[in-house]
Amino acid sequence: MTEQAAETAADTAETVAEAAADVADDISEELEGNPVVVMETSMGSIEIELWADRAPISVENFLRYTDNNLYDNLTFHRVIPGFMIQGGGYDSDFVEMSGYAPITNEADPELQNDRGTLAMARTNVVDSATSQFFINLVDNDFLNQTGTTPQQFGYAVFGEVISGMDVVDQIATVETANRNQHQNVPVEPVIIESVTRR
């Protein structure tokens, strides 16, 4: 009887171990499934993992601009130290890119605007994001979703810098000024030379 119990326990342990291994494989495959893009800027390279598994609409939107080379030669047109750097809307002459239709805001309390995350920029209208994005320089908790009103809805996080955060921090140090009724514009344009899938 004791032998049988030991055998049963061993079988159970083996089953649990196999199940745990399967879960680990699933998580690994899920992570491997997320696309990574390389953003070449005039100040260096930034690699970003896009969270297709957690924010599919925002990622599909970003990749649509990427795959059609629409981010090439645009700028980081808004730089605020201790807050974020924003790009994907204007070229160095401050001509605005004509983008695709606005997307649904995927802000989620679990996807937080922490340092190094990538989020969609938008107007005061909840579902107004098109091409513009920003990279958080610090944990910007006040940008997170806390409710369903326009003021509480938050900004949709859809990726994270996995390499080149030093470049992001360097961009945050550039001199800025006002230009064309815009504030915090780099005096010397910071160019997004290209964005490509890795």
C-alpha atoms as a PDB file:
ATOM      1  CA  MET A   1       0.000   0.000   0.000  1.00  0.00           C
ATOM      2  CA  THR A   2       2.820   2.391   0.901  1.00  0.00           C
ATOM      3  CA  GLU A   3       4.580   1.514  -2.341  1.00  0.00           C
ATOM      4  CA  GLN A   4       1.412   2.268  -4.295  1.00  0.00           C
ATOM      5  CA  ALA A   5       0.980   5.621  -2.502  1.00  0.00           C
ATOM      6  CA  ALA A   6       4.597   6.517  -3.298  1.00  0.00           C
ATOM      7  CA  GLU A   7       4.026   5.620  -6.940  1.00  0.00           C
ATOM      8  CA  THR A   8       0.866   7.739  -7.070  1.00  0.00           C
ATOM      9  CA  ALA A   9       2.702  10.671  -5.458  1.00  0.00           C
ATOM     10  CA  ALA A  10       5.540  10.302  -7.957  1.00  0.00           C
ATOM     11  CA  ASP A  11       3.065  10.224 -10.858  1.00  0.00           C
ATOM     12  CA  THR A  12       1.293  13.326  -9.496  1.00  0.00           C
ATOM     13  CA  ALA A  13       4.588  15.180  -9.090  1.00  0.00           C
ATOM     14  CA  GLU A  14       5.533  14.269 -12.653  1.00  0.00           C
ATOM     15  CA  THR A  15       2.158  15.493 -13.968  1.00  0.00           C
ATOM     16  CA  VAL A  16       2.506  18.777 -12.059  1.00  0.00           C
ATOM     17  CA  ALA A  17       6.069  19.223 -13.364  1.00  0.00           C
ATOM     18  CA  GLU A  18       4.905  18.596 -16.943  1.00  0.00           C
ATOM     19  CA  ALA A  19       2.027  21.056 -16.534  1.00  0.00           C
ATOM     20  CA  ALA A  20       4.410  23.680 -15.142  1.00  0.00           C
ATOM     21  CA  ALA A  21       6.786  23.113 -18.058  1.00  0.00           C
ATOM     22  CA  ASP A  22       3.887  23.518 -20.517  1.00  0.00           C
ATOM     23  CA  VAL A  23       2.869  26.810 -18.886  1.00  0.00           C
ATOM     24  CA  ALA A  24       6.481  28.033 -19.014  1.00  0.00           C
ATOM     25  CA  ASP A  25       6.663  27.090 -22.708  1.00  0.00           C
ATOM     26  CA  ASP A  26       3.390  28.922 -23.392  1.00  0.00           C
ATOM     27  CA  ILE A  27       4.667  32.064 -21.652  1.00  0.00           C
ATOM     28  CA  SER A  28       7.958  31.824 -23.507  1.00  0.00           C
ATOM     29  CA  GLU A  29       6.167  31.441 -26.852  1.00  0.00           C
ATOM     30  CA  GLU A  30       3.903  34.366 -25.985  1.00  0.00           C
ATOM     31  CA  LEU A  31       6.901  36.566 -25.240  1.00  0.00           C
ATOM     32  CA  GLU A  32       8.686  35.411 -28.379  1.00  0.00           C
ATOM     33  CA  GLY A  33       5.540  36.270 -30.334  1.00  0.00           C
ATOM     34  CA  ASN A  34       5.703  39.967 -29.473  1.00  0.00           C
ATOM     35  CA  PRO A  35       7.266  42.011 -32.283  1.00  0.00           C
ATOM     36  CA  VAL A  36      10.349  44.122 -31.626  1.00  0.00           C
ATOM     37  CA  VAL A  37      11.088  47.280 -33.581  1.00  0.00           C
ATOM     38  CA  VAL A  38      14.358  49.168 -33.953  1.00  0.00           C
ATOM     39  CA  MET A  39      14.023  52.938 -33.960  1.00  0.00           C
ATOM     40  CA  GLU A  40      17.094  54.573 -35.467  1.00  0.00           C
ATOM     41  CA  THR A  41      17.355  58.197 -34.349  1.00  0.00           C
ATOM     42  CA  SER A  42      19.859  60.951 -34.967  1.00  0.00           C
ATOM     43  CA  MET A  43      21.058  60.315 -31.390  1.00  0.00           C
ATOM     44  CA  GLY A  44      21.239  56.498 -31.452  1.00  0.00           C
ATOM     45  CA  SER A  45      19.209  53.274 -31.613  1.00  0.00           C
ATOM     46  CA  ILE A  46      16.226  52.359 -29.446  1.00  0.00           C
ATOM     47  CA  GLU A  47      14.771  48.842 -29.413  1.00  0.00           C
ATOM     48  CA  ILE A  48      11.162  48.451 -28.354  1.00  0.00           C
ATOM     49  CA  GLU A  49       9.126  45.333 -27.623  1.00  0.00           C
ATOM     50  CA  LEU A  50       5.517  45.882 -28.710  1.00  0.00           C
ATOM     51  CA  TRP A  51       2.958  44.184 -26.478  1.00  0.00           C
ATOM     52  CA  ALA A  52       0.752  42.597 -29.143  1.00  0.00           C
ATOM     53  CA  ASP A  53      -0.510  40.167 -26.521  1.00  0.00           C
ATOM     54  CA  ARG A  54      -1.755  42.979 -24.269  1.00  0.00           C
ATOM     55  CA  ALA A  55      -2.578  45.924 -26.563  1.00  0.00           C
ATOM     56  CA  PRO A  56      -3.248  44.444 -30.018  1.00  0.00           C
ATOM     57  CA  ILE A  57      -5.058  47.453 -31.533  1.00  0.00           C
ATOM     58  CA  SER A  58      -2.303  49.926 -30.610  1.00  0.00           C
ATOM     59  CA  VAL A  59       0.448  47.550 -31.777  1.00  0.00           C
ATOM     60  CA  GLU A  60      -1.267  46.844 -35.100  1.00  0.00           C
ATOM     61  CA  ASN A  61      -1.666  50.603 -35.591  1.00  0.00           C
ATOM     62  CA  PHE A  62       1.988  51.322 -34.778  1.00  0.00           C
ATOM     63  CA  LEU A  63       3.180  48.529 -37.102  1.00  0.00           C
ATOM     64  CA  ARG A  64       0.988  49.860 -39.915  1.00  0.00           C
ATOM     65  CA  TYR A  65       2.873  53.162 -39.764  1.00  0.00           C
ATOM     66  CA  THR A  66       6.172  51.299 -39.353  1.00  0.00           C
ATOM     67  CA  ASP A  67       5.669  48.905 -42.274  1.00  0.00           C
ATOM     68  CA  ASN A  68       4.698  51.784 -44.577  1.00  0.00           C
ATOM     69  CA  ASN A  69       7.801  53.799 -43.552  1.00  0.00           C
ATOM     70  CA  LEU A  70       5.624  56.658 -42.320  1.00  0.00           C
ATOM     71  CA  TYR A  71       7.727  57.282 -39.211  1.00  0.00           C
ATOM     72  CA  ASP A  72      10.893  57.717 -41.281  1.00  0.00           C
ATOM     73  CA  ASN A  73      12.349  61.246 -41.041  1.00  0.00           C
ATOM     74  CA  LEU A  74       9.827  62.456 -38.491  1.00  0.00           C
ATOM     75  CA  THR A  75      11.012  63.960 -35.202  1.00  0.00           C
ATOM     76  CA  PHE A  76      10.664  63.874 -31.455  1.00  0.00           C
ATOM     77  CA  HIS A  77       8.856  67.205 -31.465  1.00  0.00           C
ATOM     78  CA  ARG A  78       8.045  67.447 -27.741  1.00  0.00           C
ATOM     79  CA  VAL A  79      10.675  66.805 -25.082  1.00  0.00           C
ATOM     80  CA  ILE A  80      10.005  67.386 -21.383  1.00  0.00           C
ATOM     81  CA  PRO A  81      12.734  66.230 -18.936  1.00  0.00           C
ATOM     82  CA  GLY A  82      11.328  64.297 -15.994  1.00  0.00           C
ATOM     83  CA  PHE A  83       8.204  63.470 -17.989  1.00  0.00           C
ATOM     84  CA  MET A  84       8.386  62.066 -21.540  1.00  0.00           C
ATOM     85  CA  ILE A  85       9.595  62.452 -25.140  1.00  0.00           C
ATOM     86  CA  GLN A  86       6.934  62.519 -27.869  1.00  0.00           C
ATOM     87  CA  GLY A  87       7.221  61.869 -31.590  1.00  0.00           C
ATOM     88  CA  GLY A  88       5.608  60.409 -34.682  1.00  0.00           C
ATOM     89  CA  GLY A  89       3.665  63.440 -35.853  1.00  0.00           C
ATOM     90  CA  TYR A  90       5.891  66.068 -37.463  1.00  0.00           C
ATOM     91  CA  ASP A  91       8.957  66.340 -39.675  1.00  0.00           C
ATOM     92  CA  SER A  92      11.844  68.739 -39.001  1.00  0.00           C
ATOM     93  CA  ASP A  93      10.001  71.566 -40.801  1.00  0.00           C
ATOM     94  CA  PHE A  94       7.056  70.966 -38.462  1.00  0.00           C
ATOM     95  CA  VAL A  95       4.862  69.708 -41.270  1.00  0.00           C
ATOM     96  CA  GLU A  96       2.298  67.361 -39.735  1.00  0.00           C
ATOM     97  CA  MET A  97       2.030  63.841 -41.099  1.00  0.00           C
ATOM     98  CA  SER A  98      -1.347  62.849 -42.474  1.00  0.00           C
ATOM     99  CA  GLY A  99      -2.193  59.682 -40.546  1.00  0.00           C
ATOM    100  CA  TYR A 100      -4.714  56.878 -40.591  1.00  0.00           C
ATOM    101  CA  ALA A 101      -8.048  57.014 -38.780  1.00  0.00           C
ATOM    102  CA  PRO A 102      -7.969  57.270 -34.953  1.00  0.00           C
ATOM    103  CA  ILE A 103      -7.968  54.023 -32.981  1.00  0.00           C
ATOM    104  CA  THR A 104      -9.785  52.718 -29.908  1.00  0.00           C
ATOM    105  CA  ASN A 105      -8.029  53.663 -26.674  1.00  0.00           C
ATOM    106  CA  GLU A 106      -6.716  50.480 -25.018  1.00  0.00           C
ATOM    107  CA  ALA A 107      -5.745  52.117 -21.713  1.00  0.00           C
ATOM    108  CA  ASP A 108      -5.901  49.543 -18.941  1.00  0.00           C
ATOM    109  CA  PRO A 109      -5.155  49.925 -15.213  1.00  0.00           C
ATOM    110  CA  GLU A 110      -2.755  46.967 -15.494  1.00  0.00           C
ATOM    111  CA  LEU A 111      -0.744  48.614 -18.317  1.00  0.00           C
ATOM    112  CA  GLN A 112       0.933  51.437 -16.473  1.00  0.00           C
ATOM    113  CA  ASN A 113       2.840  54.436 -17.787  1.00  0.00           C
ATOM    114  CA  ASP A 114       6.079  53.419 -16.089  1.00  0.00           C
ATOM    115  CA  ARG A 115       9.589  54.547 -17.033  1.00  0.00           C
ATOM    116  CA  GLY A 116      10.606  53.134 -20.406  1.00  0.00           C
ATOM    117  CA  THR A 117       7.103  52.284 -21.596  1.00  0.00           C
ATOM    118  CA  LEU A 118       5.694  53.390 -24.949  1.00  0.00           C
ATOM    119  CA  ALA A 119       2.176  54.873 -25.039  1.00  0.00           C
ATOM    120  CA  MET A 120      -0.166  56.428 -27.566  1.00  0.00           C
ATOM    121  CA  ALA A 121      -0.449  60.219 -27.524  1.00  0.00           C
ATOM    122  CA  ARG A 122      -3.922  61.673 -28.011  1.00  0.00           C
ATOM    123  CA  THR A 123      -6.069  64.772 -27.573  1.00  0.00           C
ATOM    124  CA  ASN A 124      -8.658  65.204 -24.809  1.00  0.00           C
ATOM    125  CA  VAL A 125     -10.910  62.912 -26.853  1.00  0.00           C
ATOM    126  CA  VAL A 126     -10.496  59.345 -25.520  1.00  0.00           C
ATOM    127  CA  ASP A 127     -10.341  57.564 -28.906  1.00  0.00           C
ATOM    128  CA  SER A 128      -8.263  60.105 -30.852  1.00  0.00           C
ATOM    129  CA  ALA A 129      -4.782  58.492 -31.090  1.00  0.00           C
ATOM    130  CA  THR A 130      -3.334  58.158 -34.600  1.00  0.00           C
ATOM    131  CA  SER A 131       0.435  58.125 -35.217  1.00  0.00           C
ATOM    132  CA  GLN A 132       1.914  59.999 -32.268  1.00  0.00           C
ATOM    133  CA  PHE A 133       3.466  58.146 -29.344  1.00  0.00           C
ATOM    134  CA  PHE A 134       5.571  58.959 -26.323  1.00  0.00           C
ATOM    135  CA  ILE A 135       8.187  57.230 -24.194  1.00  0.00           C
ATOM    136  CA  ASN A 136       7.833  57.730 -20.446  1.00  0.00           C
ATOM    137  CA  LEU A 137      11.007  59.011 -18.778  1.00  0.00           C
ATOM    138  CA  VAL A 138       9.676  58.305 -15.263  1.00  0.00           C
ATOM    139  CA  ASP A 139       6.713  56.501 -13.710  1.00  0.00           C
ATOM    140  CA  ASN A 140       3.859  58.789 -14.780  1.00  0.00           C
ATOM    141  CA  ASP A 141       1.073  57.379 -12.617  1.00  0.00           C
ATOM    142  CA  PHE A 142      -1.261  60.288 -13.414  1.00  0.00           C
ATOM    143  CA  LEU A 143      -1.452  59.051 -17.036  1.00  0.00           C
ATOM    144  CA  ASN A 144      -2.833  55.646 -15.997  1.00  0.00           C
ATOM    145  CA  GLN A 145      -6.454  54.656 -16.404  1.00  0.00           C
ATOM    146  CA  THR A 146      -8.472  55.151 -13.218  1.00  0.00           C
ATOM    147  CA  GLY A 147     -12.029  55.224 -14.576  1.00  0.00           C
ATOM    148  CA  THR A 148     -14.215  55.603 -17.651  1.00  0.00           C
ATOM    149  CA  THR A 149     -14.700  59.373 -17.905  1.00  0.00           C
ATOM    150  CA  PRO A 150     -12.477  61.220 -20.439  1.00  0.00           C
ATOM    151  CA  GLN A 151     -10.424  62.655 -17.538  1.00  0.00           C
ATOM    152  CA  GLN A 152      -9.913  59.231 -15.952  1.00  0.00           C
ATOM    153  CA  PHE A 153      -9.467  57.118 -19.069  1.00  0.00           C
ATOM    154  CA  GLY A 154      -5.700  57.348 -19.307  1.00  0.00           C
ATOM    155  CA  TYR A 155      -3.148  56.803 -22.055  1.00  0.00           C
ATOM    156  CA  ALA A 156      -2.729  53.412 -23.724  1.00  0.00           C
ATOM    157  CA  VAL A 157       0.613  51.728 -23.027  1.00  0.00           C
ATOM    158  CA  PHE A 158       1.563  49.222 -25.725  1.00  0.00           C
ATOM    159  CA  GLY A 159       5.272  48.491 -25.426  1.00  0.00           C
ATOM    160  CA  GLU A 160       8.546  48.987 -23.617  1.00  0.00           C
ATOM    161  CA  VAL A 161      12.095  50.012 -24.432  1.00  0.00           C
ATOM    162  CA  ILE A 162      14.281  46.903 -24.104  1.00  0.00           C
ATOM    163  CA  SER A 163      17.533  48.510 -25.300  1.00  0.00           C
ATOM    164  CA  GLY A 164      18.627  52.114 -25.766  1.00  0.00           C
ATOM    165  CA  MET A 165      17.041  53.759 -22.739  1.00  0.00           C
ATOM    166  CA  ASP A 166      20.312  55.686 -22.458  1.00  0.00           C
ATOM    167  CA  VAL A 167      19.498  57.204 -25.874  1.00  0.00           C
ATOM    168  CA  VAL A 168      16.015  58.136 -24.647  1.00  0.00           C
ATOM    169  CA  ASP A 169      17.557  59.809 -21.588  1.00  0.00           C
ATOM    170  CA  GLN A 170      20.023  61.647 -23.827  1.00  0.00           C
ATOM    171  CA  ILE A 171      17.190  62.949 -26.023  1.00  0.00           C
ATOM    172  CA  ALA A 172      15.540  64.253 -22.844  1.00  0.00           C
ATOM    173  CA  THR A 173      18.506  66.585 -22.255  1.00  0.00           C
ATOM    174  CA  VAL A 174      18.325  68.545 -25.524  1.00  0.00           C
ATOM    175  CA  GLU A 175      17.642  72.263 -25.500  1.00  0.00           C
ATOM    176  CA  THR A 176      14.024  73.136 -26.264  1.00  0.00           C
ATOM    177  CA  ALA A 177      12.049  76.263 -27.182  1.00  0.00           C
ATOM    178  CA  ASN A 178       8.631  77.323 -28.461  1.00  0.00           C
ATOM    179  CA  ARG A 179       7.895  76.893 -32.164  1.00  0.00           C
ATOM    180  CA  ASN A 180       4.708  77.361 -34.199  1.00  0.00           C
ATOM    181  CA  GLN A 181       2.575  77.637 -31.047  1.00  0.00           C
ATOM    182  CA  HIS A 182       4.127  74.393 -29.772  1.00  0.00           C
ATOM    183  CA  GLN A 183       6.122  74.244 -26.542  1.00  0.00           C
ATOM    184  CA  ASN A 184       9.104  72.065 -25.591  1.00  0.00           C
ATOM    185  CA  VAL A 185      10.320  71.662 -29.178  1.00  0.00           C
ATOM    186  CA  PRO A 186      13.995  70.656 -29.581  1.00  0.00           C
ATOM    187  CA  VAL A 187      16.014  73.569 -30.978  1.00  0.00           C
ATOM    188  CA  GLU A 188      18.095  71.071 -32.977  1.00  0.00           C
ATOM    189  CA  PRO A 189      15.631  68.500 -34.401  1.00  0.00           C
ATOM    190  CA  VAL A 190      15.934  64.950 -33.062  1.00  0.00           C
ATOM    191  CA  ILE A 191      15.198  62.857 -36.151  1.00  0.00           C
ATOM    192  CA  ILE A 192      13.537  59.439 -36.220  1.00  0.00           C
ATOM    193  CA  GLU A 193      15.544  58.184 -39.196  1.00  0.00           C
ATOM    194  CA  SER A 194      13.671  54.892 -39.464  1.00  0.00           C
ATOM    195  CA  VAL A 195      11.548  52.384 -37.575  1.00  0.00           C
ATOM    196  CA  THR A 196      11.823  48.759 -38.709  1.00  0.00           C
ATOM    197  CA  ARG A 197      10.910  45.353 -37.375  1.00  0.00           C
ATOM    198  CA  ARG A 198      13.861  43.436 -35.918  1.00  0.00           C
END
